[in-house]
């Protein structure tokens, strides 16, 4: 499976690298947007998994608690 992923990454990354050489400023902007979306997605997934495990989320130093229901 890893070899398939590595081959796909090479097929995708070689043209991206060549494009980045021709327009580095735009490539940097795209990389920042893609990297931010990836990081935000990872944090969001981790938060959802933690919420499902806890079943309730309480705000510190308040009486506010949110119960999480998953079916």
C-alpha atoms as a PDB file:
ATOM      1  CA  UNK A   1       0.000   0.000   0.000  1.00  0.00           C
ATOM      2  CA  UNK A   2       2.810   2.407   0.841  1.00  0.00           C
ATOM      3  CA  UNK A   3       4.416   1.870  -2.542  1.00  0.00           C
ATOM      4  CA  UNK A   4       1.166   2.847  -4.256  1.00  0.00           C
ATOM      5  CA  UNK A   5       0.957   6.001  -2.152  1.00  0.00           C
ATOM      6  CA  UNK A   6       4.600   6.826  -2.883  1.00  0.00           C
ATOM      7  CA  UNK A   7       4.097   6.344  -6.624  1.00  0.00           C
ATOM      8  CA  UNK A   8       0.976   8.522  -6.583  1.00  0.00           C
ATOM      9  CA  UNK A   9       2.820  11.194  -4.599  1.00  0.00           C
ATOM     10  CA  UNK A  10       5.598  11.254  -7.185  1.00  0.00           C
ATOM     11  CA  UNK A  11       3.118  11.512 -10.049  1.00  0.00           C
ATOM     12  CA  UNK A  12       1.420  14.459  -8.346  1.00  0.00           C
ATOM     13  CA  UNK A  13       4.435  16.204  -6.830  1.00  0.00           C
ATOM     14  CA  UNK A  14       6.711  16.303  -9.884  1.00  0.00           C
ATOM     15  CA  UNK A  15       4.357  18.526 -11.948  1.00  0.00           C
ATOM     16  CA  UNK A  16       3.599  20.611  -8.846  1.00  0.00           C
ATOM     17  CA  UNK A  17       7.322  21.126  -8.253  1.00  0.00           C
ATOM     18  CA  UNK A  18       7.879  22.152 -11.865  1.00  0.00           C
ATOM     19  CA  UNK A  19       4.939  24.569 -11.667  1.00  0.00           C
ATOM     20  CA  UNK A  20       6.303  26.011  -8.397  1.00  0.00           C
ATOM     21  CA  UNK A  21       9.592  26.772 -10.128  1.00  0.00           C
ATOM     22  CA  UNK A  22       7.801  28.843 -12.754  1.00  0.00           C
ATOM     23  CA  UNK A  23       5.584  30.790 -10.309  1.00  0.00           C
ATOM     24  CA  UNK A  24       7.007  30.598  -6.763  1.00  0.00           C
ATOM     25  CA  UNK A  25       4.862  33.337  -5.198  1.00  0.00           C
ATOM     26  CA  UNK A  26       1.579  31.767  -6.278  1.00  0.00           C
ATOM     27  CA  UNK A  27       2.870  28.334  -5.287  1.00  0.00           C
ATOM     28  CA  UNK A  28       3.700  29.654  -1.814  1.00  0.00           C
ATOM     29  CA  UNK A  29       0.185  31.040  -1.432  1.00  0.00           C
ATOM     30  CA  UNK A  30      -1.381  27.776  -2.533  1.00  0.00           C
ATOM     31  CA  UNK A  31       0.882  25.836  -0.148  1.00  0.00           C
ATOM     32  CA  UNK A  32      -0.154  28.065   2.761  1.00  0.00           C
ATOM     33  CA  UNK A  33      -3.854  27.595   1.973  1.00  0.00           C
ATOM     34  CA  UNK A  34      -3.545  23.819   1.519  1.00  0.00           C
ATOM     35  CA  UNK A  35      -1.381  23.460   4.630  1.00  0.00           C
ATOM     36  CA  UNK A  36      -3.817  25.504   6.695  1.00  0.00           C
ATOM     37  CA  UNK A  37      -6.780  23.473   5.477  1.00  0.00           C
ATOM     38  CA  UNK A  38      -4.933  20.246   6.294  1.00  0.00           C
ATOM     39  CA  UNK A  39      -3.990  21.432   9.788  1.00  0.00           C
ATOM     40  CA  UNK A  40      -7.513  22.699  10.440  1.00  0.00           C
ATOM     41  CA  UNK A  41      -8.973  19.400   9.302  1.00  0.00           C
ATOM     42  CA  UNK A  42      -6.662  17.437  11.581  1.00  0.00           C
ATOM     43  CA  UNK A  43      -7.556  19.599  14.581  1.00  0.00           C
ATOM     44  CA  UNK A  44     -11.265  19.337  13.772  1.00  0.00           C
ATOM     45  CA  UNK A  45     -11.155  15.552  13.473  1.00  0.00           C
ATOM     46  CA  UNK A  46      -9.236  15.257  16.745  1.00  0.00           C
ATOM     47  CA  UNK A  47     -11.773  17.500  18.489  1.00  0.00           C
ATOM     48  CA  UNK A  48     -14.735  15.490  17.210  1.00  0.00           C
ATOM     49  CA  UNK A  49     -13.148  12.218  18.320  1.00  0.00           C
ATOM     50  CA  UNK A  50     -12.436  13.646  21.760  1.00  0.00           C
ATOM     51  CA  UNK A  51     -16.012  14.896  22.065  1.00  0.00           C
ATOM     52  CA  UNK A  52     -17.404  11.485  21.173  1.00  0.00           C
ATOM     53  CA  UNK A  53     -15.182   9.843  23.787  1.00  0.00           C
ATOM     54  CA  UNK A  54     -16.088  12.272  26.588  1.00  0.00           C
ATOM     55  CA  UNK A  55     -19.835  12.468  25.905  1.00  0.00           C
ATOM     56  CA  UNK A  56     -19.863  15.941  27.521  1.00  0.00           C
ATOM     57  CA  UNK A  57     -17.821  19.097  27.157  1.00  0.00           C
ATOM     58  CA  UNK A  58     -17.706  21.606  29.993  1.00  0.00           C
ATOM     59  CA  UNK A  59     -16.374  25.146  29.804  1.00  0.00           C
ATOM     60  CA  UNK A  60     -13.844  25.672  32.613  1.00  0.00           C
ATOM     61  CA  UNK A  61     -14.887  27.942  35.521  1.00  0.00           C
ATOM     62  CA  UNK A  62     -18.527  28.000  34.392  1.00  0.00           C
ATOM     63  CA  UNK A  63     -21.587  25.815  34.774  1.00  0.00           C
ATOM     64  CA  UNK A  64     -21.884  25.458  30.995  1.00  0.00           C
ATOM     65  CA  UNK A  65     -21.737  21.852  29.769  1.00  0.00           C
ATOM     66  CA  UNK A  66     -22.693  20.486  26.371  1.00  0.00           C
ATOM     67  CA  UNK A  67     -23.768  16.880  26.133  1.00  0.00           C
ATOM     68  CA  UNK A  68     -22.650  15.063  22.989  1.00  0.00           C
ATOM     69  CA  UNK A  69     -25.030  12.469  21.586  1.00  0.00           C
ATOM     70  CA  UNK A  70     -23.890  10.122  18.839  1.00  0.00           C
ATOM     71  CA  UNK A  71     -25.990   7.355  17.369  1.00  0.00           C
END
